[in-house]
């Protein structure tokens, strides 16, 4: 029996125990950002924090690192900004140092500090990066091997729980056809980069994102049912849009049970749903844009010198004049030849 008093399949029970353990550790790793929206007394703003978070997302793609590195880095950055006040000029060093700490934590030893400083343009030296990383570890009491609880932790758990529940309900094929974990990760990354959701419970953000995704899947199935012709009676639920949409509603009801298991009130759930919906609407609008502005990478003079080592090479070849007329050869006169032909030399 679960917290709702309804029977729980034996296969899901160990997953619910893991979920309860993560919920117990959740408050320890949850940041509480108090960052102003506009500049006040030379403080870091939500805009500069979000800009740094998106830079970390680009670095994660650049180095082809797992999503865990990005979410751990953002968690370290937000928790450090919760405890410490910093000036805007230090934001780049704080964010990249958090990324470096997270990458080392995930055993990505190939990440070179010199290259990271150069490619991130964080306006700090390698020494600054390592000193800031040490400061972050000390202030957050970061122990080696620590794995913080983030929204990604709960997203992975919810996905496995929903897969198991769908299999128990005979909806395994339907769930696999409409739910893509890679799409969920992309949406969760966009939410994590937004400072307005940084102080929300990670479990609540992950569950709201999952419910939003399931609702969109049900709406797609209903739309396909309205536009498709009548299916044969012997077809499966995957090929029968009306039946598939009805079956997906059972998973949505299961999400309501998880909400109570996570001790999330309806008021808090709806508020988080609204905040996440605003971010996802911007993300969906960007996906539907047919033409996007070309990415322009701006380099500082120092980075340009590092990327162009041939600028110090000099050429020793003489300059070739292109438009100077070629002088005609001088005519050499022979004195004997001139006298023989009766010509006088003047």
C-alpha atoms as a PDB file:
ATOM      1  CA  UNK A   1       0.000   0.000   0.000  1.00  0.00           C
ATOM      2  CA  UNK A   2       1.252   3.487  -0.848  1.00  0.00           C
ATOM      3  CA  UNK A   3       0.513   6.789   0.892  1.00  0.00           C
ATOM      4  CA  UNK A   4      -2.849   6.909  -0.867  1.00  0.00           C
ATOM      5  CA  UNK A   5      -3.975   3.560   0.437  1.00  0.00           C
ATOM      6  CA  UNK A   6      -4.042   1.973  -3.023  1.00  0.00           C
ATOM      7  CA  UNK A   7      -2.074  -1.177  -3.844  1.00  0.00           C
ATOM      8  CA  UNK A   8       1.360  -0.679  -5.387  1.00  0.00           C
ATOM      9  CA  UNK A   9       2.916  -3.293  -7.702  1.00  0.00           C
ATOM     10  CA  UNK A  10       6.012  -4.990  -6.284  1.00  0.00           C
ATOM     11  CA  UNK A  11       8.136  -3.734  -9.206  1.00  0.00           C
ATOM     12  CA  UNK A  12       7.366  -0.067  -8.439  1.00  0.00           C
ATOM     13  CA  UNK A  13       7.864  -0.274  -4.662  1.00  0.00           C
ATOM     14  CA  UNK A  14      11.723  -0.105  -4.767  1.00  0.00           C
ATOM     15  CA  UNK A  15      11.487   2.919  -7.061  1.00  0.00           C
ATOM     16  CA  UNK A  16       9.178   4.668  -4.616  1.00  0.00           C
ATOM     17  CA  UNK A  17      11.679   3.982  -1.834  1.00  0.00           C
ATOM     18  CA  UNK A  18      14.412   5.642  -3.910  1.00  0.00           C
ATOM     19  CA  UNK A  19      12.056   8.557  -4.500  1.00  0.00           C
ATOM     20  CA  UNK A  20      11.479   8.968  -0.762  1.00  0.00           C
ATOM     21  CA  UNK A  21      15.233   8.935  -0.104  1.00  0.00           C
ATOM     22  CA  UNK A  22      15.749  11.663  -2.717  1.00  0.00           C
ATOM     23  CA  UNK A  23      12.929  13.703  -1.168  1.00  0.00           C
ATOM     24  CA  UNK A  24      14.639  13.520   2.225  1.00  0.00           C
ATOM     25  CA  UNK A  25      17.889  14.918   0.764  1.00  0.00           C
ATOM     26  CA  UNK A  26      16.166  17.499  -1.427  1.00  0.00           C
ATOM     27  CA  UNK A  27      16.184  20.419   1.086  1.00  0.00           C
ATOM     28  CA  UNK A  28      19.946  20.045   1.633  1.00  0.00           C
ATOM     29  CA  UNK A  29      20.748  20.895  -1.985  1.00  0.00           C
ATOM     30  CA  UNK A  30      17.989  23.377  -2.734  1.00  0.00           C
ATOM     31  CA  UNK A  31      19.152  26.974  -3.346  1.00  0.00           C
ATOM     32  CA  UNK A  32      17.238  30.030  -2.186  1.00  0.00           C
ATOM     33  CA  UNK A  33      18.244  32.836  -4.507  1.00  0.00           C
ATOM     34  CA  UNK A  34      17.507  36.424  -3.491  1.00  0.00           C
ATOM     35  CA  UNK A  35      18.776  38.163  -6.620  1.00  0.00           C
ATOM     36  CA  UNK A  36      17.264  41.453  -7.834  1.00  0.00           C
ATOM     37  CA  UNK A  37      15.828  41.787 -11.319  1.00  0.00           C
ATOM     38  CA  UNK A  38      17.688  45.063 -11.911  1.00  0.00           C
ATOM     39  CA  UNK A  39      21.056  46.385 -10.800  1.00  0.00           C
ATOM     40  CA  UNK A  40      21.079  47.513  -7.159  1.00  0.00           C
ATOM     41  CA  UNK A  41      24.307  48.529  -5.436  1.00  0.00           C
ATOM     42  CA  UNK A  42      26.452  46.732  -8.012  1.00  0.00           C
ATOM     43  CA  UNK A  43      24.880  43.305  -7.360  1.00  0.00           C
ATOM     44  CA  UNK A  44      24.406  40.289  -9.595  1.00  0.00           C
ATOM     45  CA  UNK A  45      21.015  40.315 -11.289  1.00  0.00           C
ATOM     46  CA  UNK A  46      18.726  37.571 -12.539  1.00  0.00           C
ATOM     47  CA  UNK A  47      19.709  38.475 -16.095  1.00  0.00           C
ATOM     48  CA  UNK A  48      23.442  38.008 -15.500  1.00  0.00           C
ATOM     49  CA  UNK A  49      22.781  34.743 -13.661  1.00  0.00           C
ATOM     50  CA  UNK A  50      20.635  33.418 -16.523  1.00  0.00           C
ATOM     51  CA  UNK A  51      23.220  34.511 -19.082  1.00  0.00           C
ATOM     52  CA  UNK A  52      25.927  32.589 -17.229  1.00  0.00           C
ATOM     53  CA  UNK A  53      23.668  29.524 -17.011  1.00  0.00           C
ATOM     54  CA  UNK A  54      23.164  29.551 -20.789  1.00  0.00           C
ATOM     55  CA  UNK A  55      26.941  29.838 -21.259  1.00  0.00           C
ATOM     56  CA  UNK A  56      27.340  26.686 -19.163  1.00  0.00           C
ATOM     57  CA  UNK A  57      24.778  24.982 -21.377  1.00  0.00           C
ATOM     58  CA  UNK A  58      26.847  25.904 -24.431  1.00  0.00           C
ATOM     59  CA  UNK A  59      30.004  24.602 -22.736  1.00  0.00           C
ATOM     60  CA  UNK A  60      28.240  21.316 -21.976  1.00  0.00           C
ATOM     61  CA  UNK A  61      27.450  20.939 -25.680  1.00  0.00           C
ATOM     62  CA  UNK A  62      30.939  22.103 -26.729  1.00  0.00           C
ATOM     63  CA  UNK A  63      32.712  19.483 -24.592  1.00  0.00           C
ATOM     64  CA  UNK A  64      30.016  16.852 -25.230  1.00  0.00           C
ATOM     65  CA  UNK A  65      29.485  16.240 -21.508  1.00  0.00           C
ATOM     66  CA  UNK A  66      26.502  14.482 -19.893  1.00  0.00           C
ATOM     67  CA  UNK A  67      23.562  16.484 -18.621  1.00  0.00           C
ATOM     68  CA  UNK A  68      24.542  15.709 -15.025  1.00  0.00           C
ATOM     69  CA  UNK A  69      27.530  18.070 -15.337  1.00  0.00           C
ATOM     70  CA  UNK A  70      25.282  20.977 -16.361  1.00  0.00           C
ATOM     71  CA  UNK A  71      22.730  20.458 -13.574  1.00  0.00           C
ATOM     72  CA  UNK A  72      25.402  19.975 -10.901  1.00  0.00           C
ATOM     73  CA  UNK A  73      27.196  23.123 -12.120  1.00  0.00           C
ATOM     74  CA  UNK A  74      24.015  25.219 -12.024  1.00  0.00           C
ATOM     75  CA  UNK A  75      23.195  23.813  -8.586  1.00  0.00           C
ATOM     76  CA  UNK A  76      26.666  24.741  -7.279  1.00  0.00           C
ATOM     77  CA  UNK A  77      26.417  28.211  -8.796  1.00  0.00           C
ATOM     78  CA  UNK A  78      22.966  28.926  -7.337  1.00  0.00           C
ATOM     79  CA  UNK A  79      23.823  27.584  -3.894  1.00  0.00           C
ATOM     80  CA  UNK A  80      27.029  29.632  -3.817  1.00  0.00           C
ATOM     81  CA  UNK A  81      25.102  32.778  -4.783  1.00  0.00           C
ATOM     82  CA  UNK A  82      22.613  31.935  -2.025  1.00  0.00           C
ATOM     83  CA  UNK A  83      25.360  32.003   0.616  1.00  0.00           C
ATOM     84  CA  UNK A  84      27.734  34.615  -0.793  1.00  0.00           C
ATOM     85  CA  UNK A  85      27.311  38.110  -2.226  1.00  0.00           C
ATOM     86  CA  UNK A  86      29.386  38.724  -5.315  1.00  0.00           C
ATOM     87  CA  UNK A  87      29.905  41.532  -7.786  1.00  0.00           C
ATOM     88  CA  UNK A  88      28.806  41.226 -11.419  1.00  0.00           C
ATOM     89  CA  UNK A  89      32.407  41.118 -12.671  1.00  0.00           C
ATOM     90  CA  UNK A  90      32.898  37.849 -10.746  1.00  0.00           C
ATOM     91  CA  UNK A  91      29.828  36.120 -12.227  1.00  0.00           C
ATOM     92  CA  UNK A  92      31.743  34.588 -15.123  1.00  0.00           C
ATOM     93  CA  UNK A  93      34.451  33.170 -12.893  1.00  0.00           C
ATOM     94  CA  UNK A  94      31.876  31.748 -10.445  1.00  0.00           C
ATOM     95  CA  UNK A  95      29.843  30.015 -13.148  1.00  0.00           C
ATOM     96  CA  UNK A  96      32.811  28.548 -15.052  1.00  0.00           C
ATOM     97  CA  UNK A  97      34.456  27.430 -11.794  1.00  0.00           C
ATOM     98  CA  UNK A  98      31.227  25.643 -10.864  1.00  0.00           C
ATOM     99  CA  UNK A  99      31.261  23.970 -14.264  1.00  0.00           C
ATOM    100  CA  UNK A 100      34.885  22.923 -13.802  1.00  0.00           C
ATOM    101  CA  UNK A 101      34.129  21.513 -10.342  1.00  0.00           C
ATOM    102  CA  UNK A 102      31.145  19.558 -11.657  1.00  0.00           C
ATOM    103  CA  UNK A 103      33.129  18.179 -14.587  1.00  0.00           C
ATOM    104  CA  UNK A 104      35.940  16.985 -12.316  1.00  0.00           C
ATOM    105  CA  UNK A 105      33.323  15.491  -9.987  1.00  0.00           C
ATOM    106  CA  UNK A 106      31.895  13.457 -12.874  1.00  0.00           C
ATOM    107  CA  UNK A 107      35.416  12.103 -13.616  1.00  0.00           C
ATOM    108  CA  UNK A 108      35.831  14.127 -16.811  1.00  0.00           C
ATOM    109  CA  UNK A 109      39.598  14.390 -16.430  1.00  0.00           C
ATOM    110  CA  UNK A 110      40.048  15.413 -20.067  1.00  0.00           C
ATOM    111  CA  UNK A 111      38.692  18.902 -19.356  1.00  0.00           C
ATOM    112  CA  UNK A 112      41.700  21.216 -19.532  1.00  0.00           C
ATOM    113  CA  UNK A 113      41.512  24.307 -17.317  1.00  0.00           C
ATOM    114  CA  UNK A 114      43.531  26.483 -19.730  1.00  0.00           C
ATOM    115  CA  UNK A 115      41.278  25.590 -22.642  1.00  0.00           C
ATOM    116  CA  UNK A 116      38.145  26.121 -20.533  1.00  0.00           C
ATOM    117  CA  UNK A 117      39.253  29.626 -19.545  1.00  0.00           C
ATOM    118  CA  UNK A 118      40.072  30.465 -23.156  1.00  0.00           C
ATOM    119  CA  UNK A 119      36.901  29.117 -24.748  1.00  0.00           C
ATOM    120  CA  UNK A 120      34.500  30.413 -22.077  1.00  0.00           C
ATOM    121  CA  UNK A 121      35.910  33.971 -22.115  1.00  0.00           C
ATOM    122  CA  UNK A 122      35.207  34.253 -18.384  1.00  0.00           C
ATOM    123  CA  UNK A 123      37.779  37.058 -17.997  1.00  0.00           C
ATOM    124  CA  UNK A 124      39.800  35.225 -15.376  1.00  0.00           C
ATOM    125  CA  UNK A 125      43.051  33.294 -15.266  1.00  0.00           C
ATOM    126  CA  UNK A 126      43.587  29.603 -14.629  1.00  0.00           C
ATOM    127  CA  UNK A 127      44.745  30.487 -11.132  1.00  0.00           C
ATOM    128  CA  UNK A 128      41.537  32.445 -10.510  1.00  0.00           C
ATOM    129  CA  UNK A 129      39.503  29.483 -11.778  1.00  0.00           C
ATOM    130  CA  UNK A 130      41.149  26.995  -9.417  1.00  0.00           C
ATOM    131  CA  UNK A 131      41.017  29.350  -6.422  1.00  0.00           C
ATOM    132  CA  UNK A 132      37.299  30.007  -7.025  1.00  0.00           C
ATOM    133  CA  UNK A 133      36.648  26.270  -7.385  1.00  0.00           C
ATOM    134  CA  UNK A 134      38.314  25.692  -4.020  1.00  0.00           C
ATOM    135  CA  UNK A 135      36.278  28.499  -2.467  1.00  0.00           C
ATOM    136  CA  UNK A 136      33.021  27.021  -3.812  1.00  0.00           C
ATOM    137  CA  UNK A 137      33.878  23.592  -2.418  1.00  0.00           C
ATOM    138  CA  UNK A 138      34.717  25.039   1.004  1.00  0.00           C
ATOM    139  CA  UNK A 139      31.653  27.277   1.298  1.00  0.00           C
ATOM    140  CA  UNK A 140      29.292  24.492   0.230  1.00  0.00           C
ATOM    141  CA  UNK A 141      31.147  21.849   2.262  1.00  0.00           C
ATOM    142  CA  UNK A 142      31.582  19.840  -0.907  1.00  0.00           C
ATOM    143  CA  UNK A 143      32.915  16.364  -0.139  1.00  0.00           C
ATOM    144  CA  UNK A 144      34.592  14.213  -2.807  1.00  0.00           C
ATOM    145  CA  UNK A 145      32.120  11.877  -4.453  1.00  0.00           C
ATOM    146  CA  UNK A 146      29.094  13.993  -3.523  1.00  0.00           C
ATOM    147  CA  UNK A 147      26.124  13.663  -5.841  1.00  0.00           C
ATOM    148  CA  UNK A 148      23.651  16.509  -5.225  1.00  0.00           C
ATOM    149  CA  UNK A 149      19.915  16.049  -5.657  1.00  0.00           C
ATOM    150  CA  UNK A 150      18.722  18.121  -8.616  1.00  0.00           C
ATOM    151  CA  UNK A 151      15.658  18.267 -10.832  1.00  0.00           C
ATOM    152  CA  UNK A 152      17.479  15.915 -13.205  1.00  0.00           C
ATOM    153  CA  UNK A 153      17.634  13.329 -10.416  1.00  0.00           C
ATOM    154  CA  UNK A 154      13.857  13.395 -10.058  1.00  0.00           C
ATOM    155  CA  UNK A 155      13.279  13.464 -13.812  1.00  0.00           C
ATOM    156  CA  UNK A 156      15.214  10.201 -14.214  1.00  0.00           C
ATOM    157  CA  UNK A 157      13.306   8.680 -11.300  1.00  0.00           C
ATOM    158  CA  UNK A 158       9.900   9.769 -12.597  1.00  0.00           C
ATOM    159  CA  UNK A 159      10.679   8.469 -16.055  1.00  0.00           C
ATOM    160  CA  UNK A 160      11.567   5.010 -14.718  1.00  0.00           C
ATOM    161  CA  UNK A 161       8.510   5.009 -12.439  1.00  0.00           C
ATOM    162  CA  UNK A 162       6.200   5.992 -15.285  1.00  0.00           C
ATOM    163  CA  UNK A 163       7.748   3.353 -17.546  1.00  0.00           C
ATOM    164  CA  UNK A 164       7.130   0.701 -14.916  1.00  0.00           C
ATOM    165  CA  UNK A 165       3.591   1.920 -14.281  1.00  0.00           C
ATOM    166  CA  UNK A 166       2.853   1.952 -18.020  1.00  0.00           C
ATOM    167  CA  UNK A 167       4.099  -1.627 -18.309  1.00  0.00           C
ATOM    168  CA  UNK A 168       1.909  -2.700 -15.388  1.00  0.00           C
ATOM    169  CA  UNK A 169      -1.100  -1.113 -17.120  1.00  0.00           C
ATOM    170  CA  UNK A 170      -0.234  -2.703 -20.458  1.00  0.00           C
ATOM    171  CA  UNK A 171       0.777   0.660 -21.969  1.00  0.00           C
ATOM    172  CA  UNK A 172       4.496   0.044 -22.389  1.00  0.00           C
ATOM    173  CA  UNK A 173       4.507   0.412 -26.180  1.00  0.00           C
ATOM    174  CA  UNK A 174       2.260   3.472 -26.055  1.00  0.00           C
ATOM    175  CA  UNK A 175       4.475   5.157 -23.465  1.00  0.00           C
ATOM    176  CA  UNK A 176       7.631   4.470 -25.483  1.00  0.00           C
ATOM    177  CA  UNK A 177       5.991   5.941 -28.610  1.00  0.00           C
ATOM    178  CA  UNK A 178       4.919   9.261 -27.062  1.00  0.00           C
ATOM    179  CA  UNK A 179       7.562   9.979 -24.383  1.00  0.00           C
ATOM    180  CA  UNK A 180      11.135  10.877 -25.310  1.00  0.00           C
ATOM    181  CA  UNK A 181      13.582  11.394 -22.444  1.00  0.00           C
ATOM    182  CA  UNK A 182      15.886  13.438 -24.671  1.00  0.00           C
ATOM    183  CA  UNK A 183      13.072  15.940 -25.324  1.00  0.00           C
ATOM    184  CA  UNK A 184      12.327  16.092 -21.610  1.00  0.00           C
ATOM    185  CA  UNK A 185      16.007  16.817 -20.900  1.00  0.00           C
ATOM    186  CA  UNK A 186      16.067  19.700 -23.372  1.00  0.00           C
ATOM    187  CA  UNK A 187      13.027  21.269 -21.740  1.00  0.00           C
ATOM    188  CA  UNK A 188      14.396  20.726 -18.258  1.00  0.00           C
ATOM    189  CA  UNK A 189      17.664  22.422 -19.255  1.00  0.00           C
ATOM    190  CA  UNK A 190      15.743  25.493 -20.391  1.00  0.00           C
ATOM    191  CA  UNK A 191      13.891  25.580 -17.067  1.00  0.00           C
ATOM    192  CA  UNK A 192      17.123  25.169 -15.086  1.00  0.00           C
ATOM    193  CA  UNK A 193      18.683  28.127 -16.930  1.00  0.00           C
ATOM    194  CA  UNK A 194      15.841  30.411 -15.805  1.00  0.00           C
ATOM    195  CA  UNK A 195      16.484  32.086 -12.452  1.00  0.00           C
ATOM    196  CA  UNK A 196      12.776  32.418 -11.673  1.00  0.00           C
ATOM    197  CA  UNK A 197      12.624  28.642 -11.171  1.00  0.00           C
ATOM    198  CA  UNK A 198      15.956  28.286  -9.352  1.00  0.00           C
ATOM    199  CA  UNK A 199      14.433  28.367  -5.856  1.00  0.00           C
ATOM    200  CA  UNK A 200      11.555  25.978  -6.619  1.00  0.00           C
ATOM    201  CA  UNK A 201      11.625  22.414  -5.347  1.00  0.00           C
ATOM    202  CA  UNK A 202      13.477  20.195  -7.842  1.00  0.00           C
ATOM    203  CA  UNK A 203      10.946  17.382  -7.427  1.00  0.00           C
ATOM    204  CA  UNK A 204       8.083  19.770  -8.109  1.00  0.00           C
ATOM    205  CA  UNK A 205       9.735  21.197 -11.223  1.00  0.00           C
ATOM    206  CA  UNK A 206      10.441  17.714 -12.610  1.00  0.00           C
ATOM    207  CA  UNK A 207       6.904  16.448 -11.919  1.00  0.00           C
ATOM    208  CA  UNK A 208       5.289  19.563 -13.401  1.00  0.00           C
ATOM    209  CA  UNK A 209       7.428  19.205 -16.509  1.00  0.00           C
ATOM    210  CA  UNK A 210       6.438  15.549 -16.809  1.00  0.00           C
ATOM    211  CA  UNK A 211       2.735  16.337 -16.406  1.00  0.00           C
ATOM    212  CA  UNK A 212       2.978  19.136 -18.982  1.00  0.00           C
ATOM    213  CA  UNK A 213       4.639  16.734 -21.398  1.00  0.00           C
ATOM    214  CA  UNK A 214       1.983  14.056 -20.832  1.00  0.00           C
ATOM    215  CA  UNK A 215      -0.818  16.600 -21.293  1.00  0.00           C
ATOM    216  CA  UNK A 216       0.713  17.666 -24.609  1.00  0.00           C
ATOM    217  CA  UNK A 217       0.928  14.001 -25.676  1.00  0.00           C
ATOM    218  CA  UNK A 218      -2.757  13.462 -24.857  1.00  0.00           C
ATOM    219  CA  UNK A 219      -3.710  16.578 -26.834  1.00  0.00           C
ATOM    220  CA  UNK A 220      -1.703  15.369 -29.823  1.00  0.00           C
ATOM    221  CA  UNK A 221      -3.416  11.988 -29.709  1.00  0.00           C
ATOM    222  CA  UNK A 222      -6.841  13.624 -29.500  1.00  0.00           C
ATOM    223  CA  UNK A 223      -5.993  15.882 -32.438  1.00  0.00           C
ATOM    224  CA  UNK A 224      -4.887  12.878 -34.473  1.00  0.00           C
ATOM    225  CA  UNK A 225      -8.108  11.111 -33.534  1.00  0.00           C
ATOM    226  CA  UNK A 226     -10.185  14.003 -34.874  1.00  0.00           C
ATOM    227  CA  UNK A 227      -8.247  14.143 -38.133  1.00  0.00           C
ATOM    228  CA  UNK A 228      -7.874  10.425 -38.782  1.00  0.00           C
ATOM    229  CA  UNK A 229     -10.411   8.078 -40.301  1.00  0.00           C
ATOM    230  CA  UNK A 230     -12.205   5.414 -38.312  1.00  0.00           C
ATOM    231  CA  UNK A 231      -9.791   2.620 -37.426  1.00  0.00           C
ATOM    232  CA  UNK A 232     -10.536  -1.067 -37.653  1.00  0.00           C
ATOM    233  CA  UNK A 233     -11.776  -2.802 -34.511  1.00  0.00           C
ATOM    234  CA  UNK A 234      -8.756  -5.112 -34.336  1.00  0.00           C
ATOM    235  CA  UNK A 235      -6.079  -2.384 -34.215  1.00  0.00           C
ATOM    236  CA  UNK A 236      -3.929  -1.745 -31.181  1.00  0.00           C
ATOM    237  CA  UNK A 237      -4.142   1.332 -28.971  1.00  0.00           C
ATOM    238  CA  UNK A 238      -0.958   2.739 -30.539  1.00  0.00           C
ATOM    239  CA  UNK A 239      -2.612   2.694 -33.964  1.00  0.00           C
ATOM    240  CA  UNK A 240      -5.974   3.793 -32.567  1.00  0.00           C
ATOM    241  CA  UNK A 241      -5.696   7.471 -31.521  1.00  0.00           C
ATOM    242  CA  UNK A 242      -8.984   7.653 -29.527  1.00  0.00           C
ATOM    243  CA  UNK A 243      -8.103   4.589 -27.464  1.00  0.00           C
ATOM    244  CA  UNK A 244      -4.505   5.768 -27.019  1.00  0.00           C
ATOM    245  CA  UNK A 245      -5.613   9.176 -25.720  1.00  0.00           C
ATOM    246  CA  UNK A 246      -7.977   7.502 -23.254  1.00  0.00           C
ATOM    247  CA  UNK A 247      -5.234   5.166 -22.026  1.00  0.00           C
ATOM    248  CA  UNK A 248      -2.776   8.060 -21.564  1.00  0.00           C
ATOM    249  CA  UNK A 249      -5.215   9.683 -19.161  1.00  0.00           C
ATOM    250  CA  UNK A 250      -4.575   6.773 -16.799  1.00  0.00           C
ATOM    251  CA  UNK A 251      -0.928   7.802 -16.605  1.00  0.00           C
ATOM    252  CA  UNK A 252      -1.972  11.383 -15.898  1.00  0.00           C
ATOM    253  CA  UNK A 253      -4.025  10.072 -12.967  1.00  0.00           C
ATOM    254  CA  UNK A 254      -0.937   8.201 -11.766  1.00  0.00           C
ATOM    255  CA  UNK A 255       0.957  11.532 -11.821  1.00  0.00           C
ATOM    256  CA  UNK A 256      -1.601  12.904  -9.350  1.00  0.00           C
ATOM    257  CA  UNK A 257      -0.671  10.060  -6.972  1.00  0.00           C
ATOM    258  CA  UNK A 258       3.008  10.969  -7.274  1.00  0.00           C
ATOM    259  CA  UNK A 259       2.121  14.565  -6.426  1.00  0.00           C
ATOM    260  CA  UNK A 260       0.735  13.436  -3.081  1.00  0.00           C
ATOM    261  CA  UNK A 261       3.704  11.141  -2.522  1.00  0.00           C
ATOM    262  CA  UNK A 262       6.013  14.161  -2.972  1.00  0.00           C
ATOM    263  CA  UNK A 263       3.823  16.197  -0.588  1.00  0.00           C
ATOM    264  CA  UNK A 264       3.132  18.917  -3.166  1.00  0.00           C
ATOM    265  CA  UNK A 265       0.044  21.021  -2.529  1.00  0.00           C
ATOM    266  CA  UNK A 266      -2.316  21.950  -5.344  1.00  0.00           C
ATOM    267  CA  UNK A 267      -1.598  25.660  -4.862  1.00  0.00           C
ATOM    268  CA  UNK A 268       2.152  25.169  -5.149  1.00  0.00           C
ATOM    269  CA  UNK A 269       1.730  22.778  -8.066  1.00  0.00           C
ATOM    270  CA  UNK A 270      -0.366  25.255 -10.069  1.00  0.00           C
ATOM    271  CA  UNK A 271       2.065  28.115  -9.343  1.00  0.00           C
ATOM    272  CA  UNK A 272       4.999  26.017 -10.527  1.00  0.00           C
ATOM    273  CA  UNK A 273       2.972  24.871 -13.523  1.00  0.00           C
ATOM    274  CA  UNK A 274       2.421  28.496 -14.521  1.00  0.00           C
ATOM    275  CA  UNK A 275       6.111  29.420 -14.126  1.00  0.00           C
ATOM    276  CA  UNK A 276       7.293  26.403 -16.110  1.00  0.00           C
ATOM    277  CA  UNK A 277       4.613  27.001 -18.748  1.00  0.00           C
ATOM    278  CA  UNK A 278       5.930  30.510 -19.434  1.00  0.00           C
ATOM    279  CA  UNK A 279       9.430  29.151 -20.067  1.00  0.00           C
ATOM    280  CA  UNK A 280       8.185  26.301 -22.257  1.00  0.00           C
ATOM    281  CA  UNK A 281       6.043  28.644 -24.325  1.00  0.00           C
ATOM    282  CA  UNK A 282       9.161  30.670 -25.159  1.00  0.00           C
ATOM    283  CA  UNK A 283      11.014  27.455 -25.979  1.00  0.00           C
ATOM    284  CA  UNK A 284       8.217  26.235 -28.271  1.00  0.00           C
ATOM    285  CA  UNK A 285       8.079  29.629 -29.996  1.00  0.00           C
ATOM    286  CA  UNK A 286      11.803  29.403 -30.763  1.00  0.00           C
ATOM    287  CA  UNK A 287      11.324  25.915 -32.209  1.00  0.00           C
ATOM    288  CA  UNK A 288       8.622  27.183 -34.566  1.00  0.00           C
ATOM    289  CA  UNK A 289      10.713  30.105 -35.836  1.00  0.00           C
ATOM    290  CA  UNK A 290      11.608  29.310 -39.480  1.00  0.00           C
ATOM    291  CA  UNK A 291      14.593  31.646 -39.696  1.00  0.00           C
ATOM    292  CA  UNK A 292      16.958  32.367 -36.887  1.00  0.00           C
ATOM    293  CA  UNK A 293      19.670  34.922 -36.482  1.00  0.00           C
ATOM    294  CA  UNK A 294      23.100  33.620 -37.291  1.00  0.00           C
ATOM    295  CA  UNK A 295      25.308  32.986 -34.289  1.00  0.00           C
ATOM    296  CA  UNK A 296      28.162  35.479 -34.080  1.00  0.00           C
ATOM    297  CA  UNK A 297      31.050  34.537 -31.828  1.00  0.00           C
ATOM    298  CA  UNK A 298      32.774  37.640 -30.489  1.00  0.00           C
ATOM    299  CA  UNK A 299      36.403  37.171 -29.527  1.00  0.00           C
ATOM    300  CA  UNK A 300      38.516  39.343 -27.304  1.00  0.00           C
ATOM    301  CA  UNK A 301      41.923  40.484 -28.523  1.00  0.00           C
ATOM    302  CA  UNK A 302      43.637  38.076 -26.115  1.00  0.00           C
ATOM    303  CA  UNK A 303      41.589  35.085 -27.344  1.00  0.00           C
ATOM    304  CA  UNK A 304      42.141  36.117 -30.961  1.00  0.00           C
ATOM    305  CA  UNK A 305      45.912  36.085 -30.431  1.00  0.00           C
ATOM    306  CA  UNK A 306      45.658  32.608 -28.924  1.00  0.00           C
ATOM    307  CA  UNK A 307      43.579  31.312 -31.814  1.00  0.00           C
ATOM    308  CA  UNK A 308      45.772  32.973 -34.483  1.00  0.00           C
ATOM    309  CA  UNK A 309      49.387  32.068 -33.742  1.00  0.00           C
ATOM    310  CA  UNK A 310      50.446  33.011 -37.303  1.00  0.00           C
ATOM    311  CA  UNK A 311      49.963  36.741 -36.797  1.00  0.00           C
ATOM    312  CA  UNK A 312      53.614  37.062 -35.673  1.00  0.00           C
ATOM    313  CA  UNK A 313      54.996  35.527 -38.839  1.00  0.00           C
ATOM    314  CA  UNK A 314      56.819  37.998 -41.133  1.00  0.00           C
ATOM    315  CA  UNK A 315      57.532  37.752 -44.810  1.00  0.00           C
ATOM    316  CA  UNK A 316      61.046  38.379 -46.214  1.00  0.00           C
ATOM    317  CA  UNK A 317      60.021  38.426 -49.876  1.00  0.00           C
ATOM    318  CA  UNK A 318      60.256  41.755 -51.735  1.00  0.00           C
ATOM    319  CA  UNK A 319      57.097  43.524 -52.704  1.00  0.00           C
ATOM    320  CA  UNK A 320      56.154  43.115 -56.349  1.00  0.00           C
ATOM    321  CA  UNK A 321      54.903  46.301 -58.010  1.00  0.00           C
ATOM    322  CA  UNK A 322      51.765  45.535 -59.960  1.00  0.00           C
ATOM    323  CA  UNK A 323      51.140  48.735 -61.997  1.00  0.00           C
ATOM    324  CA  UNK A 324      54.664  50.120 -62.619  1.00  0.00           C
ATOM    325  CA  UNK A 325      55.478  50.161 -66.386  1.00  0.00           C
ATOM    326  CA  UNK A 326      58.399  47.976 -67.438  1.00  0.00           C
ATOM    327  CA  UNK A 327      61.380  50.168 -68.534  1.00  0.00           C
ATOM    328  CA  UNK A 328      62.628  49.601 -72.076  1.00  0.00           C
ATOM    329  CA  UNK A 329      66.256  48.311 -72.445  1.00  0.00           C
ATOM    330  CA  UNK A 330      68.900  50.928 -73.208  1.00  0.00           C
ATOM    331  CA  UNK A 331      70.254  51.095 -76.779  1.00  0.00           C
ATOM    332  CA  UNK A 332      74.018  50.546 -76.995  1.00  0.00           C
ATOM    333  CA  UNK A 333      75.717  52.339 -79.866  1.00  0.00           C
ATOM    334  CA  UNK A 334      78.915  51.094 -81.509  1.00  0.00           C
ATOM    335  CA  UNK A 335      81.320  53.906 -82.572  1.00  0.00           C
ATOM    336  CA  UNK A 336      82.914  51.873 -85.406  1.00  0.00           C
ATOM    337  CA  UNK A 337      79.478  50.940 -86.740  1.00  0.00           C
ATOM    338  CA  UNK A 338      78.411  54.591 -86.778  1.00  0.00           C
ATOM    339  CA  UNK A 339      81.474  55.799 -88.737  1.00  0.00           C
ATOM    340  CA  UNK A 340      81.168  53.073 -91.296  1.00  0.00           C
ATOM    341  CA  UNK A 341      77.677  54.177 -92.205  1.00  0.00           C
ATOM    342  CA  UNK A 342      78.609  57.873 -92.240  1.00  0.00           C
ATOM    343  CA  UNK A 343      76.819  58.793 -89.046  1.00  0.00           C
ATOM    344  CA  UNK A 344      78.302  61.379 -86.828  1.00  0.00           C
ATOM    345  CA  UNK A 345      78.303  61.061 -83.189  1.00  0.00           C
ATOM    346  CA  UNK A 346      76.949  64.049 -81.413  1.00  0.00           C
END
